């Protein structure tokens, strides 16, 4: 839950950015951190944990996308008075 929330908040914050590819690295780091946390909780290695559970779990967890709407406002100088 916390890892997905962090990613969704970052994704929402940077939704208007033209450099969204940098979010892939953040997503990778969050997924790895989540896998390490869960593996440590279950007293296992990351590789053994993902092999036993399957990496699809993390894929589903981090691919839940929220629909983001963008608003465009006209510039003040182009508004007729």
PDB file of N, CA and C in Angstrom:
ATOM      1  N   UNK A   1       0.815  -1.201   0.000  1.00  0.00           N
ATOM      2  CA  UNK A   1       0.000   0.000   0.000  1.00  0.00           C
ATOM      3  C   UNK A   1       0.859   1.266   0.000  1.00  0.00           C
ATOM      4  N   UNK A   2       1.805   1.448   0.913  1.00  0.00           N
ATOM      5  CA  UNK A   2       2.573   2.702   0.917  1.00  0.00           C
ATOM      6  C   UNK A   2       3.394   2.903  -0.355  1.00  0.00           C
ATOM      7  N   UNK A   3       3.957   1.822  -0.920  1.00  0.00           N
ATOM      8  CA  UNK A   3       4.775   1.965  -2.121  1.00  0.00           C
ATOM      9  C   UNK A   3       3.924   2.402  -3.309  1.00  0.00           C
ATOM     10  N   UNK A   4       2.758   1.810  -3.447  1.00  0.00           N
ATOM     11  CA  UNK A   4       1.848   2.189  -4.531  1.00  0.00           C
ATOM     12  C   UNK A   4       1.359   3.613  -4.385  1.00  0.00           C
ATOM     13  N   UNK A   5       1.085   4.007  -3.157  1.00  0.00           N
ATOM     14  CA  UNK A   5       0.629   5.373  -2.900  1.00  0.00           C
ATOM     15  C   UNK A   5       1.718   6.381  -3.255  1.00  0.00           C
ATOM     16  N   UNK A   6       2.951   6.069  -2.896  1.00  0.00           N
ATOM     17  CA  UNK A   6       4.070   6.961  -3.224  1.00  0.00           C
ATOM     18  C   UNK A   6       4.189   7.101  -4.738  1.00  0.00           C
ATOM     19  N   UNK A   7       4.113   5.980  -5.455  1.00  0.00           N
ATOM     20  CA  UNK A   7       4.245   6.039  -6.907  1.00  0.00           C
ATOM     21  C   UNK A   7       3.088   6.810  -7.536  1.00  0.00           C
ATOM     22  N   UNK A   8       1.864   6.571  -7.082  1.00  0.00           N
ATOM     23  CA  UNK A   8       0.713   7.285  -7.642  1.00  0.00           C
ATOM     24  C   UNK A   8       0.817   8.779  -7.392  1.00  0.00           C
ATOM     25  N   UNK A   9       1.256   9.170  -6.189  1.00  0.00           N
ATOM     26  CA  UNK A   9       1.410  10.593  -5.888  1.00  0.00           C
ATOM     27  C   UNK A   9       2.485  11.231  -6.760  1.00  0.00           C
ATOM     28  N   UNK A  10       3.615  10.557  -6.927  1.00  0.00           N
ATOM     29  CA  UNK A  10       4.668  11.089  -7.795  1.00  0.00           C
ATOM     30  C   UNK A  10       4.203  11.165  -9.246  1.00  0.00           C
ATOM     31  N   UNK A  11       3.499  10.144  -9.691  1.00  0.00           N
ATOM     32  CA  UNK A  11       2.992  10.125 -11.056  1.00  0.00           C
ATOM     33  C   UNK A  11       1.994  11.256 -11.278  1.00  0.00           C
ATOM     34  N   UNK A  12       1.131  11.460 -10.309  1.00  0.00           N
ATOM     35  CA  UNK A  12       0.146  12.542 -10.413  1.00  0.00           C
ATOM     36  C   UNK A  12       0.841  13.899 -10.398  1.00  0.00           C
ATOM     37  N   UNK A  13       1.838  14.070  -9.554  1.00  0.00           N
ATOM     38  CA  UNK A  13       2.558  15.336  -9.444  1.00  0.00           C
ATOM     39  C   UNK A  13       3.273  15.672 -10.752  1.00  0.00           C
ATOM     40  N   UNK A  14       3.847  14.658 -11.400  1.00  0.00           N
ATOM     41  CA  UNK A  14       4.606  14.875 -12.629  1.00  0.00           C
ATOM     42  C   UNK A  14       3.778  14.613 -13.884  1.00  0.00           C
ATOM     43  N   UNK A  15       2.457  14.561 -13.770  1.00  0.00           N
ATOM     44  CA  UNK A  15       1.619  14.232 -14.922  1.00  0.00           C
ATOM     45  C   UNK A  15       1.722  15.266 -16.038  1.00  0.00           C
ATOM     46  N   UNK A  16       2.008  16.509 -15.720  1.00  0.00           N
ATOM     47  CA  UNK A  16       2.138  17.534 -16.744  1.00  0.00           C
ATOM     48  C   UNK A  16       3.538  17.677 -17.290  1.00  0.00           C
ATOM     49  N   UNK A  17       4.461  16.902 -16.792  1.00  0.00           N
ATOM     50  CA  UNK A  17       5.862  17.006 -17.193  1.00  0.00           C
ATOM     51  C   UNK A  17       6.100  16.318 -18.532  1.00  0.00           C
ATOM     52  N   UNK A  18       7.044  16.838 -19.282  1.00  0.00           N
ATOM     53  CA  UNK A  18       7.408  16.208 -20.553  1.00  0.00           C
ATOM     54  C   UNK A  18       8.464  15.128 -20.355  1.00  0.00           C
ATOM     55  N   UNK A  19       9.051  15.027 -19.170  1.00  0.00           N
ATOM     56  CA  UNK A  19      10.104  14.050 -18.888  1.00  0.00           C
ATOM     57  C   UNK A  19       9.572  12.917 -18.009  1.00  0.00           C
ATOM     58  N   UNK A  20       8.543  12.244 -18.495  1.00  0.00           N
ATOM     59  CA  UNK A  20       7.932  11.170 -17.712  1.00  0.00           C
ATOM     60  C   UNK A  20       8.789   9.910 -17.675  1.00  0.00           C
ATOM     61  N   UNK A  21       9.750   9.796 -18.578  1.00  0.00           N
ATOM     62  CA  UNK A  21      10.594   8.595 -18.590  1.00  0.00           C
ATOM     63  C   UNK A  21      11.429   8.480 -17.327  1.00  0.00           C
ATOM     64  N   UNK A  22      11.688   9.594 -16.675  1.00  0.00           N
ATOM     65  CA  UNK A  22      12.456   9.528 -15.431  1.00  0.00           C
ATOM     66  C   UNK A  22      11.656   8.846 -14.326  1.00  0.00           C
ATOM     67  N   UNK A  23      10.338   8.777 -14.483  1.00  0.00           N
ATOM     68  CA  UNK A  23       9.511   8.087 -13.490  1.00  0.00           C
ATOM     69  C   UNK A  23       9.706   6.573 -13.547  1.00  0.00           C
ATOM     70  N   UNK A  24      10.155   6.046 -14.687  1.00  0.00           N
ATOM     71  CA  UNK A  24      10.390   4.609 -14.785  1.00  0.00           C
ATOM     72  C   UNK A  24      11.471   4.167 -13.801  1.00  0.00           C
ATOM     73  N   UNK A  25      12.476   5.005 -13.626  1.00  0.00           N
ATOM     74  CA  UNK A  25      13.542   4.671 -12.675  1.00  0.00           C
ATOM     75  C   UNK A  25      13.003   4.682 -11.248  1.00  0.00           C
ATOM     76  N   UNK A  26      12.170   5.674 -10.944  1.00  0.00           N
ATOM     77  CA  UNK A  26      11.549   5.745  -9.617  1.00  0.00           C
ATOM     78  C   UNK A  26      10.672   4.521  -9.395  1.00  0.00           C
ATOM     79  N   UNK A  27       9.920   4.129 -10.426  1.00  0.00           N
ATOM     80  CA  UNK A  27       9.056   2.958 -10.320  1.00  0.00           C
ATOM     81  C   UNK A  27       9.885   1.700 -10.066  1.00  0.00           C
ATOM     82  N   UNK A  28      11.018   1.570 -10.759  1.00  0.00           N
ATOM     83  CA  UNK A  28      11.899   0.421 -10.562  1.00  0.00           C
ATOM     84  C   UNK A  28      12.431   0.390  -9.127  1.00  0.00           C
ATOM     85  N   UNK A  29      12.871   1.533  -8.632  1.00  0.00           N
ATOM     86  CA  UNK A  29      13.412   1.604  -7.272  1.00  0.00           C
ATOM     87  C   UNK A  29      12.339   1.258  -6.249  1.00  0.00           C
ATOM     88  N   UNK A  30      11.121   1.759  -6.443  1.00  0.00           N
ATOM     89  CA  UNK A  30      10.031   1.451  -5.512  1.00  0.00           C
ATOM     90  C   UNK A  30       9.668  -0.033  -5.553  1.00  0.00           C
ATOM     91  N   UNK A  31       9.638  -0.622  -6.750  1.00  0.00           N
ATOM     92  CA  UNK A  31       9.323  -2.048  -6.861  1.00  0.00           C
ATOM     93  C   UNK A  31      10.388  -2.899  -6.177  1.00  0.00           C
ATOM     94  N   UNK A  32      11.654  -2.537  -6.384  1.00  0.00           N
ATOM     95  CA  UNK A  32      12.743  -3.279  -5.750  1.00  0.00           C
ATOM     96  C   UNK A  32      12.690  -3.128  -4.235  1.00  0.00           C
ATOM     97  N   UNK A  33      12.416  -1.932  -3.771  1.00  0.00           N
ATOM     98  CA  UNK A  33      12.314  -1.698  -2.335  1.00  0.00           C
ATOM     99  C   UNK A  33      11.154  -2.485  -1.733  1.00  0.00           C
ATOM    100  N   UNK A  34      10.040  -2.518  -2.441  1.00  0.00           N
ATOM    101  CA  UNK A  34       8.878  -3.285  -1.975  1.00  0.00           C
ATOM    102  C   UNK A  34       9.215  -4.774  -1.919  1.00  0.00           C
ATOM    103  N   UNK A  35       9.879  -5.282  -2.955  1.00  0.00           N
ATOM    104  CA  UNK A  35      10.261  -6.701  -2.982  1.00  0.00           C
ATOM    105  C   UNK A  35      11.231  -7.021  -1.855  1.00  0.00           C
ATOM    106  N   UNK A  36      12.191  -6.136  -1.604  1.00  0.00           N
ATOM    107  CA  UNK A  36      13.139  -6.355  -0.509  1.00  0.00           C
ATOM    108  C   UNK A  36      12.438  -6.346   0.841  1.00  0.00           C
ATOM    109  N   UNK A  37      11.515  -5.418   1.016  1.00  0.00           N
ATOM    110  CA  UNK A  37      10.778  -5.329   2.281  1.00  0.00           C
ATOM    111  C   UNK A  37       9.969  -6.599   2.526  1.00  0.00           C
ATOM    112  N   UNK A  38       9.239  -7.052   1.494  1.00  0.00           N
ATOM    113  CA  UNK A  38       8.424  -8.258   1.652  1.00  0.00           C
ATOM    114  C   UNK A  38       9.289  -9.503   1.841  1.00  0.00           C
ATOM    115  N   UNK A  39      10.407  -9.575   1.125  1.00  0.00           N
ATOM    116  CA  UNK A  39      11.307 -10.726   1.280  1.00  0.00           C
ATOM    117  C   UNK A  39      11.889 -10.768   2.682  1.00  0.00           C
ATOM    118  N   UNK A  40      12.284  -9.633   3.189  1.00  0.00           N
ATOM    119  CA  UNK A  40      12.840  -9.586   4.547  1.00  0.00           C
ATOM    120  C   UNK A  40      11.769  -9.961   5.575  1.00  0.00           C
ATOM    121  N   UNK A  41      10.540  -9.499   5.349  1.00  0.00           N
ATOM    122  CA  UNK A  41       9.449  -9.828   6.269  1.00  0.00           C
ATOM    123  C   UNK A  41       9.220 -11.338   6.318  1.00  0.00           C
ATOM    124  N   UNK A  42       9.359 -11.994   5.166  1.00  0.00           N
ATOM    125  CA  UNK A  42       9.149 -13.440   5.090  1.00  0.00           C
ATOM    126  C   UNK A  42      10.446 -14.232   5.229  1.00  0.00           C
ATOM    127  N   UNK A  43      11.514 -13.554   5.673  1.00  0.00           N
ATOM    128  CA  UNK A  43      12.816 -14.184   5.926  1.00  0.00           C
ATOM    129  C   UNK A  43      13.295 -14.982   4.718  1.00  0.00           C
ATOM    130  N   UNK A  44      13.352 -14.298   3.594  1.00  0.00           N
ATOM    131  CA  UNK A  44      13.744 -14.917   2.343  1.00  0.00           C
ATOM    132  C   UNK A  44      14.592 -13.926   1.545  1.00  0.00           C
ATOM    133  N   UNK A  45      15.191 -14.417   0.468  1.00  0.00           N
ATOM    134  CA  UNK A  45      15.894 -13.509  -0.433  1.00  0.00           C
ATOM    135  C   UNK A  45      14.888 -12.961  -1.443  1.00  0.00           C
ATOM    136  N   UNK A  46      15.257 -11.878  -2.089  1.00  0.00           N
ATOM    137  CA  UNK A  46      14.362 -11.273  -3.079  1.00  0.00           C
ATOM    138  C   UNK A  46      14.110 -12.253  -4.220  1.00  0.00           C
ATOM    139  N   UNK A  47      15.170 -12.892  -4.694  1.00  0.00           N
ATOM    140  CA  UNK A  47      15.027 -13.837  -5.806  1.00  0.00           C
ATOM    141  C   UNK A  47      14.097 -14.991  -5.443  1.00  0.00           C
ATOM    142  N   UNK A  48      14.297 -15.586  -4.271  1.00  0.00           N
ATOM    143  CA  UNK A  48      13.455 -16.711  -3.845  1.00  0.00           C
ATOM    144  C   UNK A  48      12.018 -16.257  -3.612  1.00  0.00           C
ATOM    145  N   UNK A  49      11.860 -15.069  -3.053  1.00  0.00           N
ATOM    146  CA  UNK A  49      10.518 -14.553  -2.788  1.00  0.00           C
ATOM    147  C   UNK A  49       9.749 -14.329  -4.089  1.00  0.00           C
ATOM    148  N   UNK A  50      10.398 -13.678  -5.070  1.00  0.00           N
ATOM    149  CA  UNK A  50       9.724 -13.423  -6.346  1.00  0.00           C
ATOM    150  C   UNK A  50       9.484 -14.708  -7.124  1.00  0.00           C
ATOM    151  N   UNK A  51      10.388 -15.668  -6.990  1.00  0.00           N
ATOM    152  CA  UNK A  51      10.200 -16.946  -7.673  1.00  0.00           C
ATOM    153  C   UNK A  51       9.008 -17.695  -7.087  1.00  0.00           C
ATOM    154  N   UNK A  52       8.893 -17.661  -5.768  1.00  0.00           N
ATOM    155  CA  UNK A  52       7.797 -18.360  -5.100  1.00  0.00           C
ATOM    156  C   UNK A  52       6.461 -17.671  -5.352  1.00  0.00           C
ATOM    157  N   UNK A  53       6.452 -16.349  -5.271  1.00  0.00           N
ATOM    158  CA  UNK A  53       5.205 -15.598  -5.378  1.00  0.00           C
ATOM    159  C   UNK A  53       4.886 -15.198  -6.806  1.00  0.00           C
ATOM    160  N   UNK A  54       5.913 -15.016  -7.610  1.00  0.00           N
ATOM    161  CA  UNK A  54       5.716 -14.557  -8.984  1.00  0.00           C
ATOM    162  C   UNK A  54       5.806 -13.041  -9.047  1.00  0.00           C
ATOM    163  N   UNK A  55       6.449 -12.544 -10.067  1.00  0.00           N
ATOM    164  CA  UNK A  55       6.625 -11.097 -10.192  1.00  0.00           C
ATOM    165  C   UNK A  55       5.345 -10.411 -10.647  1.00  0.00           C
ATOM    166  N   UNK A  56       4.325 -11.189 -11.037  1.00  0.00           N
ATOM    167  CA  UNK A  56       3.065 -10.596 -11.474  1.00  0.00           C
ATOM    168  C   UNK A  56       2.394  -9.808 -10.355  1.00  0.00           C
ATOM    169  N   UNK A  57       2.637 -10.221  -9.126  1.00  0.00           N
ATOM    170  CA  UNK A  57       2.040  -9.519  -7.991  1.00  0.00           C
ATOM    171  C   UNK A  57       2.485  -8.063  -7.976  1.00  0.00           C
ATOM    172  N   UNK A  58       3.777  -7.836  -8.115  1.00  0.00           N
ATOM    173  CA  UNK A  58       4.273  -6.462  -8.119  1.00  0.00           C
ATOM    174  C   UNK A  58       3.854  -5.723  -9.378  1.00  0.00           C
ATOM    175  N   UNK A  59       3.752  -6.425 -10.500  1.00  0.00           N
ATOM    176  CA  UNK A  59       3.308  -5.785 -11.737  1.00  0.00           C
ATOM    177  C   UNK A  59       1.894  -5.249 -11.573  1.00  0.00           C
ATOM    178  N   UNK A  60       0.990  -6.073 -11.041  1.00  0.00           N
ATOM    179  CA  UNK A  60      -0.387  -5.637 -10.837  1.00  0.00           C
ATOM    180  C   UNK A  60      -0.457  -4.492  -9.845  1.00  0.00           C
ATOM    181  N   UNK A  61       0.369  -4.572  -8.812  1.00  0.00           N
ATOM    182  CA  UNK A  61       0.351  -3.570  -7.758  1.00  0.00           C
ATOM    183  C   UNK A  61       0.755  -2.198  -8.283  1.00  0.00           C
ATOM    184  N   UNK A  62       1.751  -2.156  -9.160  1.00  0.00           N
ATOM    185  CA  UNK A  62       2.271  -0.882  -9.638  1.00  0.00           C
ATOM    186  C   UNK A  62       1.688  -0.438 -10.972  1.00  0.00           C
ATOM    187  N   UNK A  63       0.830  -1.222 -11.608  1.00  0.00           N
ATOM    188  CA  UNK A  63       0.264  -0.790 -12.875  1.00  0.00           C
ATOM    189  C   UNK A  63      -1.138  -0.237 -12.726  1.00  0.00           C
ATOM    190  N   UNK A  64      -1.653  -0.176 -11.526  1.00  0.00           N
ATOM    191  CA  UNK A  64      -2.951   0.452 -11.330  1.00  0.00           C
ATOM    192  C   UNK A  64      -2.790   1.942 -11.589  1.00  0.00           C
ATOM    193  N   UNK A  65      -3.382   2.391 -12.676  1.00  0.00           N
ATOM    194  CA  UNK A  65      -3.249   3.792 -13.066  1.00  0.00           C
ATOM    195  C   UNK A  65      -4.511   4.543 -12.661  1.00  0.00           C
ATOM    196  N   UNK A  66      -4.309   5.754 -12.240  1.00  0.00           N
ATOM    197  CA  UNK A  66      -5.433   6.634 -11.985  1.00  0.00           C
ATOM    198  C   UNK A  66      -5.595   7.537 -13.187  1.00  0.00           C
ATOM    199  N   UNK A  67      -6.838   7.840 -13.517  1.00  0.00           N
ATOM    200  CA  UNK A  67      -7.075   8.730 -14.638  1.00  0.00           C
ATOM    201  C   UNK A  67      -6.788  10.155 -14.182  1.00  0.00           C
ATOM    202  N   UNK A  68      -5.960  10.850 -14.948  1.00  0.00           N
ATOM    203  CA  UNK A  68      -5.553  12.202 -14.592  1.00  0.00           C
ATOM    204  C   UNK A  68      -6.112  13.159 -15.628  1.00  0.00           C
ATOM    205  N   UNK A  69      -6.757  14.193 -15.162  1.00  0.00           N
ATOM    206  CA  UNK A  69      -7.302  15.210 -16.044  1.00  0.00           C
ATOM    207  C   UNK A  69      -6.404  16.433 -16.003  1.00  0.00           C
ATOM    208  N   UNK A  70      -6.217  17.062 -17.155  1.00  0.00           N
ATOM    209  CA  UNK A  70      -5.426  18.285 -17.180  1.00  0.00           C
ATOM    210  C   UNK A  70      -6.313  19.436 -17.627  1.00  0.00           C
ATOM    211  N   UNK A  71      -6.112  20.567 -17.023  1.00  0.00           N
ATOM    212  CA  UNK A  71      -6.871  21.765 -17.353  1.00  0.00           C
ATOM    213  C   UNK A  71      -5.949  22.756 -18.039  1.00  0.00           C
ATOM    214  N   UNK A  72      -6.457  23.405 -19.066  1.00  0.00           N
ATOM    215  CA  UNK A  72      -5.680  24.416 -19.771  1.00  0.00           C
ATOM    216  C   UNK A  72      -6.384  25.748 -19.604  1.00  0.00           C
ATOM    217  N   UNK A  73      -5.662  26.709 -19.092  1.00  0.00           N
ATOM    218  CA  UNK A  73      -6.210  28.042 -18.899  1.00  0.00           C
ATOM    219  C   UNK A  73      -5.582  28.992 -19.909  1.00  0.00           C
ATOM    220  N   UNK A  74      -6.370  29.920 -20.468  1.00  0.00           N
ATOM    221  CA  UNK A  74      -5.795  30.889 -21.397  1.00  0.00           C
ATOM    222  C   UNK A  74      -4.898  31.869 -20.652  1.00  0.00           C
ATOM    223  N   UNK A  75      -3.952  32.439 -21.382  1.00  0.00           N
ATOM    224  CA  UNK A  75      -3.076  33.433 -20.773  1.00  0.00           C
ATOM    225  C   UNK A  75      -3.865  34.695 -20.480  1.00  0.00           C
ATOM    226  N   UNK A  76      -3.423  35.417 -19.490  1.00  0.00           N
ATOM    227  CA  UNK A  76      -4.124  36.632 -19.077  1.00  0.00           C
ATOM    228  C   UNK A  76      -4.106  37.660 -20.198  1.00  0.00           C
ATOM    229  N   UNK A  77      -3.018  37.763 -20.945  1.00  0.00           N
ATOM    230  CA  UNK A  77      -2.904  38.766 -22.001  1.00  0.00           C
ATOM    231  C   UNK A  77      -3.826  38.474 -23.179  1.00  0.00           C
ATOM    232  N   UNK A  78      -4.263  37.221 -23.355  1.00  0.00           N
ATOM    233  CA  UNK A  78      -5.123  36.885 -24.487  1.00  0.00           C
ATOM    234  C   UNK A  78      -6.608  36.982 -24.153  1.00  0.00           C
ATOM    235  N   UNK A  79      -6.938  37.284 -22.923  1.00  0.00           N
ATOM    236  CA  UNK A  79      -8.339  37.416 -22.523  1.00  0.00           C
ATOM    237  C   UNK A  79      -8.823  38.808 -22.912  1.00  0.00           C
ATOM    238  N   UNK A  80      -9.923  38.861 -23.654  1.00  0.00           N
ATOM    239  CA  UNK A  80     -10.461  40.172 -24.047  1.00  0.00           C
ATOM    240  C   UNK A  80     -11.270  40.752 -22.906  1.00  0.00           C
ATOM    241  N   UNK A  81     -11.129  42.051 -22.730  1.00  0.00           N
ATOM    242  CA  UNK A  81     -11.832  42.706 -21.616  1.00  0.00           C
ATOM    243  C   UNK A  81     -12.933  43.573 -22.120  1.00  0.00           C
TER     244      UNK A  81
END
